[in-house]
């Protein structure tokens, strides 16, 4: 497995192997037979992705009814020390993934069990299916090395289109089925919910240096409040790097549902566009990443598939830059990135030239 481990923290995998084997023995269909009823092996962390949660891949096998069974699993552990996000939506993440998998329109890994007690691993966790495929990782950037960089432009085009199709499919999920994602009483859904989330985030993490910059950016955006606010489910981290693809460049899984909301359809589109600009756009000494759809093509395909107008998406892109500036503060405290420069942040947020 290529790339580096970027999990917020790691643990002794030999100890974890024994813990998971014992825990699974009480949950797998049985009766289990023989010694070492559940065998856990091949534990590993994802490489090049997964900075917000401790996520470990593993395989398990067990003997039941005279038959040897095997299954690939993933354990996802709730962060309790190295927090990227303010809001704790760990159980909501599990519940949403379960709903989406059962619905089938958005390709999400099957979830199996949720453990609310921190007794075993020091925090709640859940177990889901291990999907087999390839992820366009951020560390190192997928346009610079690895299978995406080595793919033919036509293959990258297929990947881009399939990714946008899954992004659009999220907006087909009825909001009546995901009301458990509602926000606080003063910001239950819509743009108000996402606005409230990041208003509180600034108070939580901004500090003396960054709070004035971030508050000024909020004030600027509030004066330009968008007229187009279509309802919709928010994935929260909408990008190719949170999708898994098979050898045909089709989507196997849409991953990382840590910060969902009922905030509206244009948040995910804007996030996707901003990250695509980072990874795909032409810049000094580099051409456009051939095969990937342009900004205009992405918007056009998304509108065609969803039937939702993207008018005013530029405002949501500016809001995305604000959100990412907030998250840069928490990720820098984890030691994965250098602390942001306030002046550069102000320029990115259109507060200075």
Protein backbone atom coordinates (compact mmCIF):
# COMPACT_ATOMS: atom_id res chain seq x y z
CA UNK A 1 0.00 0.00 0.00
CA UNK A 2 1.63 3.26 -1.14
CA UNK A 3 1.69 6.63 0.59
CA UNK A 4 2.19 7.60 4.21
CA UNK A 5 0.03 7.09 7.28
CA UNK A 6 -1.73 10.38 8.07
CA UNK A 7 -4.12 9.26 10.81
CA UNK A 8 -4.44 11.69 13.75
CA UNK A 9 -2.99 8.99 16.03
CA UNK A 10 -2.04 5.33 15.84
CA UNK A 11 -2.01 2.38 18.23
CA UNK A 12 -0.37 -1.02 18.71
CA UNK A 13 -1.98 -3.15 16.01
CA UNK A 14 -1.09 -6.42 17.74
CA UNK A 15 -3.07 -5.32 20.79
CA UNK A 16 -5.90 -4.14 18.56
CA UNK A 17 -5.94 -7.50 16.76
CA UNK A 18 -6.71 -9.32 20.01
CA UNK A 19 -9.28 -6.74 21.07
CA UNK A 20 -11.17 -6.93 17.80
CA UNK A 21 -11.11 -10.73 17.70
CA UNK A 22 -12.69 -10.94 21.14
CA UNK A 23 -15.24 -8.23 20.38
CA UNK A 24 -16.26 -9.76 17.03
CA UNK A 25 -16.74 -13.17 18.62
CA UNK A 26 -19.75 -11.78 20.45
CA UNK A 27 -21.35 -10.33 17.33
CA UNK A 28 -20.74 -12.64 14.39
CA UNK A 29 -23.41 -15.15 13.48
CA UNK A 30 -22.65 -18.46 15.05
CA UNK A 31 -22.35 -20.66 16.86
CA UNK A 32 -18.61 -20.26 16.43
CA UNK A 33 -16.46 -23.35 16.60
CA UNK A 34 -12.95 -24.42 17.50
CA UNK A 35 -10.00 -22.61 18.98
CA UNK A 36 -9.28 -19.00 18.00
CA UNK A 37 -12.86 -18.75 16.76
CA UNK A 38 -12.25 -15.36 15.16
CA UNK A 39 -8.94 -14.72 13.44
CA UNK A 40 -8.07 -11.10 12.71
CA UNK A 41 -5.25 -10.30 10.30
CA UNK A 42 -3.82 -7.77 7.86
CA UNK A 43 -4.39 -4.73 10.05
CA UNK A 44 -3.24 -1.50 8.43
CA UNK A 45 -3.98 2.20 8.24
CA UNK A 46 -5.07 3.83 4.96
CA UNK A 47 -2.18 5.63 3.28
CA UNK A 48 -2.27 9.22 2.07
CA UNK A 49 -5.76 9.90 3.45
CA UNK A 50 -7.76 9.78 6.68
CA UNK A 51 -6.48 12.68 8.77
CA UNK A 52 -9.62 13.32 10.83
CA UNK A 53 -10.41 9.83 12.21
CA UNK A 54 -8.36 6.83 13.24
CA UNK A 55 -9.38 4.25 10.64
CA UNK A 56 -7.91 0.74 10.48
CA UNK A 57 -8.47 -1.86 7.78
CA UNK A 58 -8.43 -5.56 8.69
CA UNK A 59 -9.60 -9.01 7.66
CA UNK A 60 -11.44 -11.52 9.82
CA UNK A 61 -12.23 -15.20 9.40
CA UNK A 62 -14.27 -17.55 11.56
CA UNK A 63 -15.61 -21.09 11.56
CA UNK A 64 -19.38 -21.48 11.91
CA UNK A 65 -21.58 -24.40 10.89
CA UNK A 66 -18.57 -26.25 9.59
CA UNK A 67 -17.82 -23.48 7.10
CA UNK A 68 -14.92 -21.05 7.18
CA UNK A 69 -16.21 -17.50 6.64
CA UNK A 70 -14.11 -14.46 5.74
CA UNK A 71 -14.83 -10.75 5.55
CA UNK A 72 -12.82 -7.59 5.10
CA UNK A 73 -13.68 -4.91 7.65
CA UNK A 74 -12.80 -1.36 8.63
CA UNK A 75 -12.94 -0.01 12.17
CA UNK A 76 -13.50 3.73 12.46
CA UNK A 77 -12.78 5.19 15.89
CA UNK A 78 -14.26 8.41 17.21
CA UNK A 79 -11.60 11.12 17.68
CA UNK A 80 -11.38 12.31 21.28
CA UNK A 81 -8.07 14.20 21.36
CA UNK A 82 -7.08 15.42 17.90
CA UNK A 83 -10.26 17.13 16.75
CA UNK A 84 -10.57 18.51 13.23
CA UNK A 85 -14.25 19.45 13.62
CA UNK A 86 -16.17 21.16 16.40
CA UNK A 87 -19.41 19.22 16.11
CA UNK A 88 -19.56 15.61 17.25
CA UNK A 89 -21.55 13.81 14.55
CA UNK A 90 -19.99 10.37 14.96
CA UNK A 91 -23.24 8.47 15.53
CA UNK A 92 -24.99 10.52 12.82
CA UNK A 93 -22.20 9.57 10.42
CA UNK A 94 -22.86 5.88 11.08
CA UNK A 95 -26.63 6.31 10.81
CA UNK A 96 -26.35 8.21 7.51
CA UNK A 97 -23.97 5.67 6.00
CA UNK A 98 -26.34 2.87 6.96
CA UNK A 99 -29.29 4.68 5.36
CA UNK A 100 -27.38 5.48 2.17
CA UNK A 101 -26.10 1.94 1.75
CA UNK A 102 -29.58 0.49 2.19
CA UNK A 103 -31.00 3.06 -0.25
CA UNK A 104 -28.37 2.13 -2.85
CA UNK A 105 -28.27 5.27 -4.96
CA UNK A 106 -25.10 6.64 -3.36
CA UNK A 107 -22.40 3.97 -3.16
CA UNK A 108 -21.51 3.72 0.49
CA UNK A 109 -19.86 0.84 2.35
CA UNK A 110 -22.14 -1.42 4.37
CA UNK A 111 -22.06 -0.76 8.11
CA UNK A 112 -22.27 -3.65 10.55
CA UNK A 113 -22.06 -2.59 14.19
CA UNK A 114 -21.80 0.52 16.35
CA UNK A 115 -20.10 0.36 19.75
CA UNK A 116 -21.05 3.30 21.95
CA UNK A 117 -18.89 2.32 24.93
CA UNK A 118 -15.29 3.62 25.07
CA UNK A 119 -14.24 0.71 27.28
CA UNK A 120 -12.54 -1.39 24.60
CA UNK A 121 -10.70 1.13 22.39
CA UNK A 122 -10.84 4.29 24.48
CA UNK A 123 -13.62 5.78 22.35
CA UNK A 124 -16.79 4.70 20.56
CA UNK A 125 -16.26 3.02 17.19
CA UNK A 126 -18.10 1.36 14.36
CA UNK A 127 -17.31 -1.49 11.99
CA UNK A 128 -18.02 -1.33 8.28
CA UNK A 129 -17.27 -3.31 5.15
CA UNK A 130 -13.83 -3.02 3.58
CA UNK A 131 -14.29 -2.05 -0.05
CA UNK A 132 -11.64 -2.96 -2.61
CA UNK A 133 -10.46 -0.23 -4.93
CA UNK A 134 -8.15 2.73 -5.41
CA UNK A 135 -8.35 6.19 -3.86
CA UNK A 136 -6.99 9.43 -5.38
CA UNK A 137 -4.97 10.37 -2.30
CA UNK A 138 -3.92 13.86 -1.28
CA UNK A 139 -0.56 12.91 0.24
CA UNK A 140 1.23 12.87 -2.15
CA UNK A 141 -1.16 14.75 -4.50
CA UNK A 142 -2.73 12.34 -6.96
CA UNK A 143 -1.94 14.49 -10.00
CA UNK A 144 1.78 14.22 -9.23
CA UNK A 145 2.25 10.49 -8.71
CA UNK A 146 0.41 7.20 -8.49
CA UNK A 147 -2.34 5.54 -10.48
CA UNK A 148 -4.29 8.71 -11.34
CA UNK A 149 -1.21 10.49 -12.67
CA UNK A 150 -0.31 7.39 -14.67
CA UNK A 151 -3.80 6.93 -16.13
CA UNK A 152 -4.65 7.93 -19.69
CA UNK A 153 -6.63 11.18 -20.10
CA UNK A 154 -9.66 9.18 -21.30
CA UNK A 155 -9.56 7.12 -18.10
CA UNK A 156 -9.35 10.26 -15.97
CA UNK A 157 -12.32 11.62 -17.92
CA UNK A 158 -14.31 8.53 -16.99
CA UNK A 159 -13.31 8.91 -13.35
CA UNK A 160 -14.31 12.58 -13.30
CA UNK A 161 -17.71 11.93 -14.87
CA UNK A 162 -18.48 9.00 -12.60
CA UNK A 163 -17.44 11.07 -9.60
CA UNK A 164 -19.72 13.96 -10.54
CA UNK A 165 -22.58 11.52 -11.13
CA UNK A 166 -22.24 10.24 -7.57
CA UNK A 167 -21.91 13.78 -6.26
CA UNK A 168 -25.18 14.66 -8.00
CA UNK A 169 -26.89 11.49 -6.77
CA UNK A 170 -26.59 12.74 -3.18
CA UNK A 171 -29.23 15.33 -4.04
CA UNK A 172 -31.74 12.59 -4.88
CA UNK A 173 -31.91 11.52 -1.22
CA UNK A 174 -35.24 12.68 0.31
CA UNK A 175 -34.61 15.11 3.14
CA UNK A 176 -37.52 13.59 5.05
CA UNK A 177 -35.36 10.47 5.53
CA UNK A 178 -32.41 12.33 7.08
CA UNK A 179 -34.04 14.69 9.55
CA UNK A 180 -31.75 13.32 12.27
CA UNK A 181 -29.12 15.65 10.72
CA UNK A 182 -31.06 18.76 11.74
CA UNK A 183 -29.06 21.47 13.47
CA UNK A 184 -29.84 23.45 16.63
CA UNK A 185 -33.19 25.14 17.13
CA UNK A 186 -32.03 28.43 15.61
CA UNK A 187 -30.48 26.75 12.56
CA UNK A 188 -32.31 23.54 11.83
CA UNK A 189 -31.50 23.28 8.13
CA UNK A 190 -30.64 25.19 4.98
CA UNK A 191 -27.87 27.74 4.73
CA UNK A 192 -28.55 28.79 8.32
CA UNK A 193 -27.30 25.40 9.55
CA UNK A 194 -23.95 25.58 7.76
CA UNK A 195 -23.57 29.26 8.68
CA UNK A 196 -24.19 28.50 12.36
CA UNK A 197 -21.71 25.62 12.30
CA UNK A 198 -18.81 27.77 11.12
CA UNK A 199 -19.79 30.78 13.21
CA UNK A 200 -19.38 28.55 16.26
CA UNK A 201 -16.20 27.04 14.81
CA UNK A 202 -14.52 30.45 14.67
CA UNK A 203 -15.33 31.06 18.32
CA UNK A 204 -13.94 27.64 19.20
CA UNK A 205 -10.68 27.72 17.27
CA UNK A 206 -9.99 31.19 15.87
CA UNK A 207 -7.86 32.67 18.65
CA UNK A 208 -6.61 36.23 18.85
CA UNK A 209 -4.74 36.11 15.53
CA UNK A 210 -7.29 34.48 13.23
CA UNK A 211 -10.67 35.40 14.73
CA UNK A 212 -10.65 38.98 13.34
CA UNK A 213 -9.82 37.73 9.84
CA UNK A 214 -12.45 35.01 9.88
CA UNK A 215 -15.12 37.28 11.39
CA UNK A 216 -14.41 39.89 8.72
CA UNK A 217 -14.82 37.22 6.04
CA UNK A 218 -18.15 36.17 7.57
CA UNK A 219 -19.31 39.80 7.55
CA UNK A 220 -18.34 40.17 3.91
CA UNK A 221 -20.25 37.02 2.93
CA UNK A 222 -23.29 38.07 4.96
CA UNK A 223 -23.53 41.33 2.99
CA UNK A 224 -23.55 39.29 -0.23
CA UNK A 225 -26.11 36.73 1.00
CA UNK A 226 -27.12 34.45 -1.92
CA UNK A 227 -30.59 34.45 -3.37
CA UNK A 228 -30.32 30.86 -4.58
CA UNK A 229 -30.49 28.49 -1.60
CA UNK A 230 -31.76 25.12 -2.88
CA UNK A 231 -32.37 22.53 -0.15
CA UNK A 232 -30.34 19.36 -0.09
CA UNK A 233 -28.18 16.92 1.83
CA UNK A 234 -24.59 18.00 2.50
CA UNK A 235 -21.89 15.31 2.31
CA UNK A 236 -19.40 17.69 3.89
CA UNK A 237 -16.09 16.84 2.20
CA UNK A 238 -17.03 16.48 -1.45
CA UNK A 239 -13.98 15.60 -3.54
CA UNK A 240 -12.48 12.88 -5.69
CA UNK A 241 -10.09 12.05 -2.86
CA UNK A 242 -13.03 10.81 -0.80
CA UNK A 243 -14.14 8.36 -3.46
CA UNK A 244 -12.83 4.88 -4.21
CA UNK A 245 -12.65 3.63 -7.80
CA UNK A 246 -12.31 0.24 -9.45
CA UNK A 247 -10.04 -0.67 -12.37
CA UNK A 248 -12.66 0.65 -14.81
CA UNK A 249 -12.61 4.04 -13.03
CA UNK A 250 -16.13 3.57 -11.72
CA UNK A 251 -17.03 4.63 -8.18
CA UNK A 252 -16.86 1.83 -5.62
CA UNK A 253 -17.54 3.93 -2.53
CA UNK A 254 -18.24 7.49 -1.43
CA UNK A 255 -16.42 7.97 1.88
CA UNK A 256 -15.89 10.28 4.86
CA UNK A 257 -19.31 11.44 6.01
CA UNK A 258 -18.03 13.15 9.17
CA UNK A 259 -19.82 16.49 8.80
CA UNK A 260 -23.15 16.00 7.02
CA UNK A 261 -26.02 18.46 7.30
CA UNK A 262 -29.27 19.60 5.71
CA UNK A 263 -27.48 22.76 4.63
CA UNK A 264 -28.37 22.75 0.94
CA UNK A 265 -27.30 21.34 -2.41
CA UNK A 266 -24.77 23.97 -3.46
CA UNK A 267 -22.34 23.44 -0.56
CA UNK A 268 -21.02 20.14 -1.90
CA UNK A 269 -20.83 21.40 -5.48
CA UNK A 270 -18.84 24.43 -4.33
CA UNK A 271 -16.48 22.29 -2.22
CA UNK A 272 -15.90 19.99 -5.19
CA UNK A 273 -15.15 22.96 -7.47
CA UNK A 274 -12.68 24.53 -5.04
CA UNK A 275 -10.77 21.27 -4.52
CA UNK A 276 -10.78 20.59 -8.25
CA UNK A 277 -9.20 23.99 -8.77
CA UNK A 278 -6.46 23.02 -6.32
CA UNK A 279 -5.72 19.66 -7.95
CA UNK A 280 -6.61 20.09 -11.60
CA UNK A 281 -6.34 23.70 -12.73
CA UNK A 282 -3.47 25.09 -14.75
CA UNK A 283 -0.93 27.16 -12.86
CA UNK A 284 2.65 28.36 -13.00
CA UNK A 285 4.70 25.72 -14.80
CA UNK A 286 1.85 23.19 -14.90
CA UNK A 287 -0.87 22.52 -17.50
CA UNK A 288 -4.51 21.72 -16.76
CA UNK A 289 -4.78 18.11 -15.57
CA UNK A 290 -5.83 16.54 -18.85
CA UNK A 291 -8.96 14.43 -18.79
CA UNK A 292 -10.58 16.10 -15.81
CA UNK A 293 -13.67 18.19 -16.45
CA UNK A 294 -13.33 21.95 -16.32
CA UNK A 295 -15.23 24.05 -13.82
CA UNK A 296 -17.86 24.85 -16.42
CA UNK A 297 -18.24 21.23 -17.46
CA UNK A 298 -18.64 20.12 -13.84
CA UNK A 299 -21.35 22.70 -13.16
CA UNK A 300 -23.17 21.84 -16.39
CA UNK A 301 -23.16 18.08 -15.74
CA UNK A 302 -24.20 18.52 -12.10
CA UNK A 303 -27.10 20.80 -13.07
CA UNK A 304 -28.19 18.36 -15.78
CA UNK A 305 -28.17 15.42 -13.38
CA UNK A 306 -29.77 17.13 -10.39
CA UNK A 307 -32.15 19.54 -12.09
CA UNK A 308 -30.95 22.15 -9.58
CA UNK A 309 -29.75 25.60 -10.60
CA UNK A 310 -26.16 26.43 -9.65
CA UNK A 311 -26.77 30.17 -9.98
CA UNK A 312 -24.69 32.04 -7.44
CA UNK A 313 -22.38 29.09 -6.73
CA UNK A 314 -19.52 31.60 -6.57
CA UNK A 315 -20.78 32.73 -3.15
CA UNK A 316 -20.70 29.13 -1.93
CA UNK A 317 -17.15 28.77 -3.26
CA UNK A 318 -16.13 31.81 -1.20
CA UNK A 319 -17.85 30.21 1.81
CA UNK A 320 -15.90 27.02 1.09
CA UNK A 321 -12.64 28.98 1.30
CA UNK A 322 -13.78 30.25 4.69
CA UNK A 323 -14.58 26.72 5.86
CA UNK A 324 -11.22 25.45 4.66
CA UNK A 325 -9.46 28.32 6.43
CA UNK A 326 -11.16 27.25 9.65
CA UNK A 327 -10.09 23.64 9.16
CA UNK A 328 -6.52 24.70 8.41
CA UNK A 329 -6.29 25.86 12.02
CA UNK A 330 -7.18 22.47 13.47
CA UNK A 331 -5.09 20.44 11.02
CA UNK A 332 -2.06 22.65 11.68
CA UNK A 333 -2.41 21.99 15.42
CA UNK A 334 -2.21 18.26 14.63
CA UNK A 335 1.19 18.86 13.05
CA UNK A 336 0.24 17.78 9.53
CA UNK A 337 0.46 21.26 8.02
CA UNK A 338 2.25 24.50 8.91
CA UNK A 339 0.24 27.17 10.69
CA UNK A 340 -1.58 29.38 8.17
CA UNK A 341 -0.35 32.90 7.49
CA UNK A 342 -2.99 35.50 8.51
CA UNK A 343 -2.14 37.82 5.61
CA UNK A 344 -2.37 35.00 3.07
CA UNK A 345 -5.65 33.89 4.65
CA UNK A 346 -7.04 37.41 4.31
CA UNK A 347 -6.14 37.48 0.62
CA UNK A 348 -7.71 34.09 0.02
CA UNK A 349 -10.88 35.30 1.72
CA UNK A 350 -10.95 38.42 -0.49
CA UNK A 351 -10.25 40.81 2.38
CA UNK A 352 -7.03 42.15 0.88
CA UNK A 353 -5.44 42.39 -2.55
